[in-house]
N, C-alpha and C. Protein backbone atom coordinates (compact mmCIF):
# COMPACT_ATOMS: atom_id res chain seq x y z
N MET A 1 77.21 100.98 102.36
CA MET A 1 77.80 100.79 101.23
C MET A 1 79.16 100.61 102.65
N VAL A 2 80.02 99.80 102.33
CA VAL A 2 81.42 99.60 103.27
C VAL A 2 82.20 100.33 102.67
N PHE A 3 82.51 100.31 101.28
CA PHE A 3 83.75 101.16 100.61
C PHE A 3 82.91 101.50 99.55
N ALA A 4 83.91 102.22 98.71
CA ALA A 4 83.48 103.71 97.28
C ALA A 4 82.93 101.88 96.50
N ARG A 5 82.09 102.62 95.44
CA ARG A 5 81.81 101.28 94.54
C ARG A 5 82.88 100.57 93.89
N ASP A 6 83.81 101.80 93.15
CA ASP A 6 84.73 101.07 92.23
C ASP A 6 85.59 100.00 93.61
N THR A 7 85.86 100.61 94.65
CA THR A 7 86.09 99.41 95.85
C THR A 7 85.82 98.09 95.86
N GLU A 8 84.46 98.27 96.13
CA GLU A 8 83.26 97.01 95.98
C GLU A 8 83.47 96.29 94.89
N VAL A 9 83.48 97.05 94.02
CA VAL A 9 83.09 96.04 92.66
C VAL A 9 84.64 95.41 92.28
N ALA A 10 86.02 96.43 92.51
CA ALA A 10 87.07 95.44 92.38
C ALA A 10 87.73 94.49 93.38
N LEU A 11 87.00 94.51 94.31
CA LEU A 11 87.18 93.20 95.30
C LEU A 11 86.40 92.23 94.89
N ALA A 12 85.10 92.37 94.31
CA ALA A 12 84.00 91.48 94.19
C ALA A 12 85.00 90.68 92.53
N THR A 13 85.34 91.51 91.74
CA THR A 13 85.90 91.10 90.62
C THR A 13 87.28 90.27 90.93
N ALA A 14 87.87 90.97 91.36
CA ALA A 14 89.19 90.22 92.53
C ALA A 14 88.96 88.60 93.19
N ALA A 15 87.65 88.41 93.63
CA ALA A 15 87.31 87.46 94.30
C ALA A 15 87.03 86.94 93.20
N SER A 16 86.16 87.09 92.49
CA SER A 16 85.92 85.99 90.95
C SER A 16 87.10 85.89 90.11
N LEU A 17 87.45 86.32 90.05
CA LEU A 17 89.10 86.07 89.01
C LEU A 17 89.71 84.98 89.72
N VAL A 18 89.99 84.86 91.30
CA VAL A 18 90.68 83.82 91.76
C VAL A 18 89.71 82.49 91.94
N ASN A 19 88.38 82.47 91.95
CA ASN A 19 87.47 81.89 92.10
C ASN A 19 87.29 80.98 90.81
N THR A 20 87.93 81.15 89.72
CA THR A 20 87.81 80.99 88.50
C THR A 20 88.84 79.29 88.18
N ARG A 21 89.66 79.69 89.08
CA ARG A 21 90.42 78.54 89.15
C ARG A 21 90.07 77.32 90.83
N GLY A 22 89.06 76.45 90.25
CA GLY A 22 88.19 75.71 91.44
C GLY A 22 89.42 74.64 91.96
N ARG A 23 88.24 74.09 93.00
CA ARG A 23 89.15 72.58 93.23
C ARG A 23 89.25 71.69 92.09
N ASP A 24 88.73 71.42 91.02
CA ASP A 24 88.40 70.51 90.61
C ASP A 24 88.26 70.58 88.44
N GLU A 25 88.47 72.10 88.80
CA GLU A 25 88.40 72.66 87.74
C GLU A 25 88.78 74.30 87.51
N ASP A 26 88.94 74.44 85.80
CA ASP A 26 89.75 75.63 85.89
C ASP A 26 88.35 76.34 84.57
N ARG A 27 88.11 77.42 85.31
CA ARG A 27 87.47 78.13 84.59
C ARG A 27 87.82 79.16 83.56
N LEU A 28 89.38 79.33 83.34
CA LEU A 28 89.79 80.55 82.72
C LEU A 28 91.04 79.79 81.85
N THR A 29 90.53 79.06 80.89
CA THR A 29 91.58 78.37 80.09
C THR A 29 91.70 78.78 78.64
N THR A 30 90.92 79.79 78.39
CA THR A 30 90.85 79.53 76.83
C THR A 30 90.09 81.77 76.61
N ALA A 31 90.99 82.23 75.54
CA ALA A 31 90.26 83.84 75.35
C ALA A 31 89.08 83.76 75.41
N ALA A 32 88.30 82.89 74.84
CA ALA A 32 86.94 82.96 74.83
C ALA A 32 86.29 83.33 76.72
N GLU A 33 87.02 82.25 77.28
CA GLU A 33 86.42 82.47 78.50
C GLU A 33 86.62 83.78 79.53
N LEU A 34 88.00 84.12 78.71
CA LEU A 34 88.76 85.61 79.58
C LEU A 34 87.60 86.62 79.32
N ASP A 35 87.41 86.47 78.05
CA ASP A 35 86.49 87.19 77.36
C ASP A 35 85.49 87.69 78.19
N GLU A 36 84.72 86.10 78.37
CA GLU A 36 83.27 86.19 78.97
C GLU A 36 83.29 87.17 80.47
N PHE A 37 84.33 86.31 81.10
CA PHE A 37 84.42 86.82 82.55
C PHE A 37 84.52 88.33 82.36
N LEU A 38 85.77 88.92 81.50
CA LEU A 38 85.71 90.75 81.54
C LEU A 38 84.47 91.21 81.34
N ALA A 39 83.49 90.54 80.74
CA ALA A 39 82.21 91.41 79.99
C ALA A 39 81.02 90.68 81.00
N GLY A 40 81.51 89.93 81.46
CA GLY A 40 80.88 90.01 82.84
C GLY A 40 81.31 91.17 84.18
N TRP A 41 81.82 91.45 84.09
CA TRP A 41 82.61 92.24 85.09
C TRP A 41 83.22 93.81 84.51
N GLU A 42 82.45 93.51 82.97
CA GLU A 42 82.12 95.34 82.53
C GLU A 42 84.10 95.74 82.85
N PHE A 43 84.73 94.91 82.57
CA PHE A 43 86.33 95.35 82.11
C PHE A 43 86.54 96.39 81.09
N THR A 44 87.14 97.23 81.16
CA THR A 44 87.22 98.09 80.09
C THR A 44 88.91 98.18 79.62
N GLY A 45 89.38 98.69 78.54
CA GLY A 45 90.37 98.87 78.54
C GLY A 45 91.43 97.87 77.32
N ALA A 46 92.38 98.11 77.24
CA ALA A 46 92.86 98.00 75.93
C ALA A 46 93.43 95.88 76.15
N ARG A 47 93.28 95.03 74.94
CA ARG A 47 93.05 94.26 75.31
C ARG A 47 94.27 94.05 74.13
N THR A 48 94.89 92.72 74.45
CA THR A 48 95.24 91.81 72.67
C THR A 48 95.00 90.72 72.68
N HIS A 49 94.14 90.21 73.55
CA HIS A 49 93.73 88.69 73.01
C HIS A 49 94.47 87.64 72.46
N ASP A 50 95.38 87.20 73.26
CA ASP A 50 96.51 86.35 72.85
C ASP A 50 96.70 85.30 73.87
N ALA A 51 97.56 84.43 74.10
CA ALA A 51 97.96 83.12 75.33
C ALA A 51 98.64 84.34 75.84
N VAL A 52 99.61 85.19 75.57
CA VAL A 52 100.76 85.52 76.77
C VAL A 52 99.54 86.64 77.46
N GLU A 53 98.42 87.34 77.13
CA GLU A 53 97.63 88.08 78.02
C GLU A 53 96.67 87.29 78.89
N LEU A 54 96.32 85.98 78.27
CA LEU A 54 95.45 84.82 79.55
C LEU A 54 96.61 84.34 80.46
N ALA A 55 97.43 83.90 79.73
CA ALA A 55 98.55 83.43 81.00
C ALA A 55 98.80 84.64 81.98
N ALA A 56 98.99 85.92 81.72
CA ALA A 56 99.05 86.56 82.80
C ALA A 56 98.46 87.07 84.10
N VAL A 57 96.53 86.89 83.63
CA VAL A 57 95.84 87.23 83.83
C VAL A 57 95.75 85.65 85.14
N ARG A 58 96.06 84.70 84.07
CA ARG A 58 95.80 83.06 85.32
C ARG A 58 96.55 83.25 86.38
N ASP A 59 98.42 84.32 86.00
CA ASP A 59 99.18 83.73 86.72
C ASP A 59 98.81 85.01 88.21
N LEU A 60 98.33 85.60 88.20
CA LEU A 60 97.85 86.27 88.81
C LEU A 60 96.79 86.47 90.05
N ARG A 61 95.86 84.78 89.93
CA ARG A 61 95.18 84.46 91.01
C ARG A 61 95.64 84.35 91.83
N PRO A 62 97.12 83.07 91.59
CA PRO A 62 97.86 83.35 93.38
C PRO A 62 97.82 84.32 94.30
N VAL A 63 98.83 85.20 93.05
CA VAL A 63 98.83 86.10 94.01
C VAL A 63 97.88 87.17 94.98
N LEU A 64 96.66 87.01 94.14
CA LEU A 64 95.91 87.80 94.90
C LEU A 64 94.99 86.75 95.95
N ARG A 65 95.41 85.40 95.78
CA ARG A 65 94.83 84.58 96.61
C ARG A 65 95.40 84.66 97.95
N ARG A 66 96.91 84.93 97.92
CA ARG A 66 97.96 85.03 99.02
C ARG A 66 97.46 86.26 99.98
N LEU A 67 96.95 87.11 99.46
CA LEU A 67 97.02 88.48 99.94
C LEU A 67 95.42 88.41 100.19
N TRP A 68 94.82 88.22 99.65
CA TRP A 68 93.34 87.89 100.42
C TRP A 68 93.39 86.92 101.77
N THR A 69 94.03 85.80 101.34
CA THR A 69 94.10 84.86 102.88
C THR A 69 95.27 85.06 103.59
N ALA A 70 95.88 86.27 103.96
CA ALA A 70 97.22 86.22 104.38
C ALA A 70 96.32 87.06 106.13
N GLY A 71 95.56 87.77 105.89
CA GLY A 71 95.27 87.94 107.55
C GLY A 71 96.04 88.97 108.03
N ASP A 72 96.96 88.97 107.60
CA ASP A 72 98.18 90.23 108.14
C ASP A 72 98.48 91.54 107.47
N PRO A 73 97.91 92.57 108.13
CA PRO A 73 97.97 93.91 107.46
C PRO A 73 98.97 94.53 106.81
N ASP A 74 100.32 93.80 107.88
CA ASP A 74 101.57 94.42 107.25
C ASP A 74 102.22 93.57 105.97
N VAL A 75 101.50 92.47 105.64
CA VAL A 75 101.50 91.55 104.95
C VAL A 75 101.26 91.83 103.27
N VAL A 76 99.45 91.97 103.57
CA VAL A 76 98.96 92.45 102.48
C VAL A 76 99.62 93.65 102.47
N ALA A 77 99.57 94.79 103.09
CA ALA A 77 100.46 95.98 102.80
C ALA A 77 101.55 96.00 101.79
N ALA A 78 102.57 94.95 102.26
CA ALA A 78 103.47 95.03 101.31
C ALA A 78 103.25 94.26 99.50
N GLY A 79 102.31 93.61 99.60
CA GLY A 79 101.71 92.55 98.46
C GLY A 79 100.97 94.15 97.57
N VAL A 80 100.57 94.25 98.39
CA VAL A 80 99.66 95.72 97.30
C VAL A 80 100.71 96.60 96.76
N ASN A 81 101.71 96.77 97.82
CA ASN A 81 102.66 98.14 97.41
C ASN A 81 103.76 97.35 96.60
N ALA A 82 104.05 96.26 96.46
CA ALA A 82 104.73 95.80 95.71
C ALA A 82 104.04 95.19 94.09
N LEU A 83 102.50 95.09 93.98
CA LEU A 83 101.95 95.22 92.93
C LEU A 83 101.81 96.76 92.17
N LEU A 84 102.00 97.51 93.47
CA LEU A 84 101.62 98.74 92.42
C LEU A 84 102.55 99.67 91.88
N ALA A 85 103.86 98.78 92.93
CA ALA A 85 105.25 99.92 92.38
C ALA A 85 106.07 98.89 91.39
N GLU A 86 105.22 97.59 90.95
CA GLU A 86 105.57 96.90 89.52
C GLU A 86 105.33 97.46 88.28
N ALA A 87 103.58 97.80 88.61
CA ALA A 87 102.87 97.87 87.32
C ALA A 87 103.43 100.11 87.31
N GLY A 88 104.04 100.67 88.57
CA GLY A 88 104.40 102.04 87.73
C GLY A 88 102.92 102.65 87.73
N ALA A 89 102.32 102.18 89.05
CA ALA A 89 100.78 102.95 89.35
C ALA A 89 100.57 104.29 89.76
N LEU A 90 99.87 105.17 89.43
CA LEU A 90 99.75 106.55 89.23
C LEU A 90 98.31 106.74 89.49
N PRO A 91 97.78 106.92 90.70
CA PRO A 91 96.58 107.26 90.80
C PRO A 91 95.88 108.44 89.99
N GLN A 92 94.89 108.02 89.49
CA GLN A 92 94.05 109.20 88.56
C GLN A 92 92.61 109.10 89.01
N LEU A 93 91.66 110.36 89.10
CA LEU A 93 90.18 110.32 88.82
C LEU A 93 90.14 110.29 87.92
N VAL A 94 89.03 109.45 87.07
CA VAL A 94 88.17 109.16 85.92
C VAL A 94 86.87 109.19 86.32
N ARG A 95 86.36 109.38 84.76
CA ARG A 95 84.88 109.12 84.97
C ARG A 95 84.63 108.41 83.13
N HIS A 96 83.87 107.49 83.55
CA HIS A 96 84.17 106.81 82.00
C HIS A 96 82.80 105.48 82.18
N ASP A 97 82.34 105.28 80.92
CA ASP A 97 81.15 103.98 80.82
C ASP A 97 80.29 104.12 81.98
N GLY A 98 79.74 105.33 82.26
CA GLY A 98 78.23 105.16 83.19
C GLY A 98 78.69 105.35 84.74
N TRP A 99 79.83 105.23 84.90
CA TRP A 99 80.88 105.66 85.96
C TRP A 99 81.06 106.68 86.14
N ASP A 100 80.69 107.30 87.98
CA ASP A 100 80.72 108.81 88.14
C ASP A 100 82.75 108.39 88.69
N TRP A 101 82.96 109.20 89.10
CA TRP A 101 84.81 109.85 89.60
C TRP A 101 84.96 108.37 90.08
N HIS A 102 85.92 107.76 89.76
CA HIS A 102 86.50 106.82 90.61
C HIS A 102 88.04 107.12 90.19
N LEU A 103 88.89 106.13 91.01
CA LEU A 103 90.37 105.77 90.70
C LEU A 103 90.82 104.84 89.61
N HIS A 104 91.46 104.90 88.55
CA HIS A 104 92.51 104.43 87.84
C HIS A 104 94.26 104.52 88.37
N ALA A 105 94.14 103.42 88.57
CA ALA A 105 95.86 103.72 88.72
C ALA A 105 96.85 103.45 87.42
N THR A 106 96.64 102.81 86.42
CA THR A 106 97.10 102.57 85.10
C THR A 106 96.69 103.16 83.89
N PRO A 107 97.19 103.44 82.97
CA PRO A 107 96.65 103.58 81.81
C PRO A 107 95.80 102.69 81.07
N GLN A 108 94.70 103.08 80.45
CA GLN A 108 94.16 102.08 79.36
C GLN A 108 94.66 101.42 78.56
N GLN A 109 95.86 101.69 78.18
CA GLN A 109 96.75 100.75 77.40
C GLN A 109 97.68 99.98 78.07
N ALA A 110 97.32 100.05 79.12
CA ALA A 110 98.42 99.20 80.10
C ALA A 110 97.94 97.59 80.09
N PRO A 111 98.85 96.68 79.99
CA PRO A 111 98.34 95.40 79.60
C PRO A 111 97.55 94.92 80.86
N LEU A 112 96.16 93.95 80.09
CA LEU A 112 95.33 93.65 81.13
C LEU A 112 95.37 93.27 82.35
N ALA A 113 96.59 92.47 82.20
CA ALA A 113 97.26 91.51 83.64
C ALA A 113 97.12 92.99 84.92
N THR A 114 98.11 93.89 84.35
CA THR A 114 98.73 94.87 84.97
C THR A 114 97.50 95.89 85.75
N ARG A 115 96.87 95.75 84.55
CA ARG A 115 95.18 96.44 85.09
C ARG A 115 94.59 96.02 86.59
N MET A 116 94.42 94.71 85.73
CA MET A 116 93.91 93.95 86.87
C MET A 116 94.12 93.89 88.17
N ALA A 117 95.62 93.59 87.69
CA ALA A 117 96.57 93.67 89.59
C ALA A 117 96.55 94.78 90.38
N VAL A 118 96.28 96.04 89.58
CA VAL A 118 96.32 97.29 90.31
C VAL A 118 94.97 97.74 90.46
N GLU A 119 93.62 97.15 89.75
CA GLU A 119 92.79 97.57 90.38
C GLU A 119 92.30 96.53 91.54
N ALA A 120 93.10 95.31 91.90
CA ALA A 120 92.42 94.49 93.20
C ALA A 120 93.27 95.55 94.32
N ALA A 121 94.78 95.98 93.81
CA ALA A 121 95.84 96.24 95.02
C ALA A 121 95.06 97.80 95.21
N MET A 122 94.29 98.40 94.52
CA MET A 122 93.74 99.52 95.02
C MET A 122 93.12 99.48 96.00
N ALA A 123 91.85 98.31 95.86
CA ALA A 123 90.87 97.90 96.67
C ALA A 123 91.33 97.56 97.99
N LEU A 124 92.59 96.51 97.64
CA LEU A 124 92.57 95.85 99.11
C LEU A 124 93.78 97.11 99.98
N ALA A 125 94.42 97.86 99.45
CA ALA A 125 94.51 99.13 99.85
C ALA A 125 93.91 100.05 100.61
N ASP A 126 92.67 100.07 100.58
CA ASP A 126 91.41 100.46 100.70
C ASP A 126 90.85 99.98 102.59
N VAL A 127 91.12 98.28 101.74
CA VAL A 127 90.55 97.44 103.02
C VAL A 127 91.26 97.71 103.73
N VAL A 128 92.48 97.69 103.89
CA VAL A 128 94.11 97.52 104.80
C VAL A 128 93.46 99.05 105.63
N ARG A 129 93.34 100.18 105.06
CA ARG A 129 93.35 101.35 105.85
C ARG A 129 92.04 101.50 106.08
N ALA A 130 91.03 100.77 106.08
CA ALA A 130 90.02 101.05 106.92
C ALA A 130 89.97 99.82 107.82
N GLY A 131 91.08 98.65 107.90
CA GLY A 131 91.04 98.04 109.16
C GLY A 131 89.82 97.01 109.02
N GLU A 132 89.27 96.69 107.68
CA GLU A 132 88.60 95.56 107.59
C GLU A 132 89.19 94.28 106.33
N LEU A 133 90.09 93.93 107.00
CA LEU A 133 90.78 93.00 106.23
C LEU A 133 89.57 91.38 107.14
N ASP A 134 89.20 91.67 107.89
CA ASP A 134 88.06 90.74 108.39
C ASP A 134 86.97 89.98 107.20
N ARG A 135 86.82 91.39 106.37
CA ARG A 135 85.71 91.14 105.35
C ARG A 135 86.15 89.54 104.22
N LEU A 136 87.58 89.87 104.12
CA LEU A 136 88.05 88.79 102.89
C LEU A 136 88.52 87.79 103.18
N ARG A 137 87.15 86.59 103.18
CA ARG A 137 87.21 85.59 103.87
C ARG A 137 87.61 84.07 102.29
N VAL A 138 87.61 82.75 103.10
CA VAL A 138 87.39 81.78 102.47
C VAL A 138 85.98 81.17 102.56
N CYS A 139 85.30 80.93 101.74
CA CYS A 139 84.15 80.05 101.94
C CYS A 139 83.93 79.03 102.59
N ALA A 140 83.08 78.85 103.79
CA ALA A 140 82.98 78.32 105.20
C ALA A 140 82.00 76.80 104.36
N GLY A 141 81.91 76.69 103.40
CA GLY A 141 81.35 75.52 102.93
C GLY A 141 82.62 74.50 102.70
N GLU A 142 82.16 73.44 103.11
CA GLU A 142 82.63 72.23 103.14
C GLU A 142 83.42 71.64 101.96
N HIS A 143 84.44 71.88 101.69
CA HIS A 143 85.14 71.35 100.40
C HIS A 143 85.51 72.10 99.75
N CYS A 144 84.99 73.96 99.91
CA CYS A 144 85.16 75.11 99.22
C CYS A 144 86.10 75.61 99.56
N ALA A 145 86.91 76.78 98.87
CA ALA A 145 87.85 77.38 98.88
C ALA A 145 88.13 78.58 98.48
N ASP A 146 86.73 78.94 97.82
CA ASP A 146 86.57 80.16 96.70
C ASP A 146 86.82 81.12 97.94
N LEU A 147 86.88 82.30 97.09
CA LEU A 147 87.08 83.77 98.27
C LEU A 147 85.97 84.19 98.33
N VAL A 148 85.51 85.18 99.45
CA VAL A 148 84.66 85.86 100.21
C VAL A 148 84.72 86.96 100.16
N VAL A 149 83.99 88.11 99.50
CA VAL A 149 84.33 89.19 100.40
C VAL A 149 82.24 89.93 100.85
N ASP A 150 82.94 89.90 101.94
CA ASP A 150 81.77 89.82 103.03
C ASP A 150 81.66 91.59 103.06
N LEU A 151 80.24 92.11 102.32
CA LEU A 151 80.47 93.64 102.56
C LEU A 151 78.74 93.59 103.18
N SER A 152 78.38 92.73 103.69
CA SER A 152 77.22 92.57 104.83
C SER A 152 77.33 93.93 105.61
N ARG A 153 76.25 94.65 106.20
CA ARG A 153 76.47 95.69 107.24
C ARG A 153 76.76 94.89 108.66
N ASN A 154 76.45 93.43 108.86
CA ASN A 154 76.71 92.50 109.98
C ASN A 154 77.54 91.94 110.17
N ARG A 155 78.28 91.49 108.90
CA ARG A 155 79.62 91.08 108.82
C ARG A 155 78.89 89.34 109.02
N SER A 156 78.15 88.70 108.53
CA SER A 156 77.87 87.76 108.51
C SER A 156 77.78 86.45 107.14
N ARG A 157 78.49 87.52 106.36
CA ARG A 157 78.18 86.67 105.25
C ARG A 157 79.43 85.30 104.97
N ARG A 158 79.30 84.51 104.99
CA ARG A 158 80.15 82.88 105.33
C ARG A 158 80.42 82.14 103.74
N TYR A 159 79.72 82.02 103.08
CA TYR A 159 79.42 81.26 101.88
C TYR A 159 79.47 82.29 100.97
N CYS A 160 80.18 81.66 99.90
CA CYS A 160 80.37 82.35 98.63
C CYS A 160 79.25 81.76 98.06
N ASP A 161 79.28 82.25 96.00
CA ASP A 161 78.18 82.58 95.23
C ASP A 161 77.82 80.82 94.63
N SER A 162 78.69 79.88 94.93
CA SER A 162 78.25 78.74 94.16
C SER A 162 77.17 77.65 94.95
N GLY A 163 76.65 77.91 95.65
CA GLY A 163 75.59 77.50 96.26
C GLY A 163 76.12 76.45 97.60
N CYS A 164 77.42 76.68 98.06
CA CYS A 164 78.17 76.74 99.29
C CYS A 164 76.68 76.86 100.85
N GLY A 165 76.03 77.99 100.49
CA GLY A 165 75.15 77.93 102.07
C GLY A 165 74.19 77.07 101.96
N ASN A 166 73.44 77.13 100.66
CA ASN A 166 72.36 76.24 100.72
C ASN A 166 72.71 74.99 101.13
N ARG A 167 73.89 74.39 100.33
CA ARG A 167 74.08 72.74 100.88
C ARG A 167 74.26 72.81 102.59
N ALA A 168 74.74 74.06 103.04
CA ALA A 168 75.10 73.83 104.27
C ALA A 168 73.82 73.52 105.10
N ASN A 169 73.07 74.57 104.74
CA ASN A 169 71.65 74.59 105.10
C ASN A 169 70.96 73.16 105.12
N VAL A 170 70.66 72.51 104.39
CA VAL A 170 70.49 71.49 103.83
C VAL A 170 70.68 70.27 104.89
N ALA A 171 71.92 70.10 104.93
CA ALA A 171 72.60 69.30 105.44
C ALA A 171 72.28 69.88 107.21
N ALA A 172 71.83 70.78 107.33
CA ALA A 172 72.05 70.80 108.88
C ALA A 172 70.70 70.45 109.30
N TYR A 173 69.80 70.76 108.33
CA TYR A 173 68.29 70.51 108.10
C TYR A 173 68.20 69.16 108.34
N ARG A 174 68.87 68.57 107.27
CA ARG A 174 69.00 66.95 107.40
C ARG A 174 69.38 66.18 108.82
N ALA A 175 70.08 67.03 109.29
CA ALA A 175 70.96 66.53 110.58
C ALA A 175 70.04 66.53 111.34
N ARG A 176 69.04 67.72 111.91
CA ARG A 176 68.37 68.17 112.94
C ARG A 176 67.03 66.91 112.72
N ARG A 177 66.64 66.62 111.48
CA ARG A 177 65.51 66.07 111.34
C ARG A 177 65.83 64.17 112.05
N ALA A 178 67.03 64.13 111.59
CA ALA A 178 67.45 62.96 111.97
C ALA A 178 67.79 62.62 113.39
N VAL A 179 67.60 63.05 114.15
CA VAL A 179 68.12 63.01 115.57
C VAL A 179 66.44 62.84 116.24
N PRO A 180 66.29 61.97 116.79
CA PRO A 180 65.26 61.16 117.34
C PRO A 180 64.64 61.76 118.31
């Protein structure tokens, strides 16, 4: 394990959230799609289930993409600090829903987008502190801009989960076979 479990899940959730806005489609346009996303990541806490909540979560995606792709620890730290300050984050150890001790920095009653921003910011803070920004990547697949968090031991993950690695391998195989 590279990071604590809650950090790894928060990073994966943040990448998945940003990746809901693809090149050709947006997979987070309705409250039902947000419900499905949150259920898939077991995100808990208060919800309003309204258009304001959905818009706030959608507006978080470009902020997280900028931090993810910044590559400069000073830029990421400044962005993380801004997100935490804006939320009035106050880290606390909690246990709930089958999770052992982990950090929450907002109350469960805080707005959903605020909780999501703070979860991502806390995870990114761990990445910066560990000097592991190179684990935050953009998919190496042709025509793909999805975010990838490389949690592999040998730092070899290059592709997202939507089949880009398979497509690249097939293309390479076909290219090798085509050479006389």
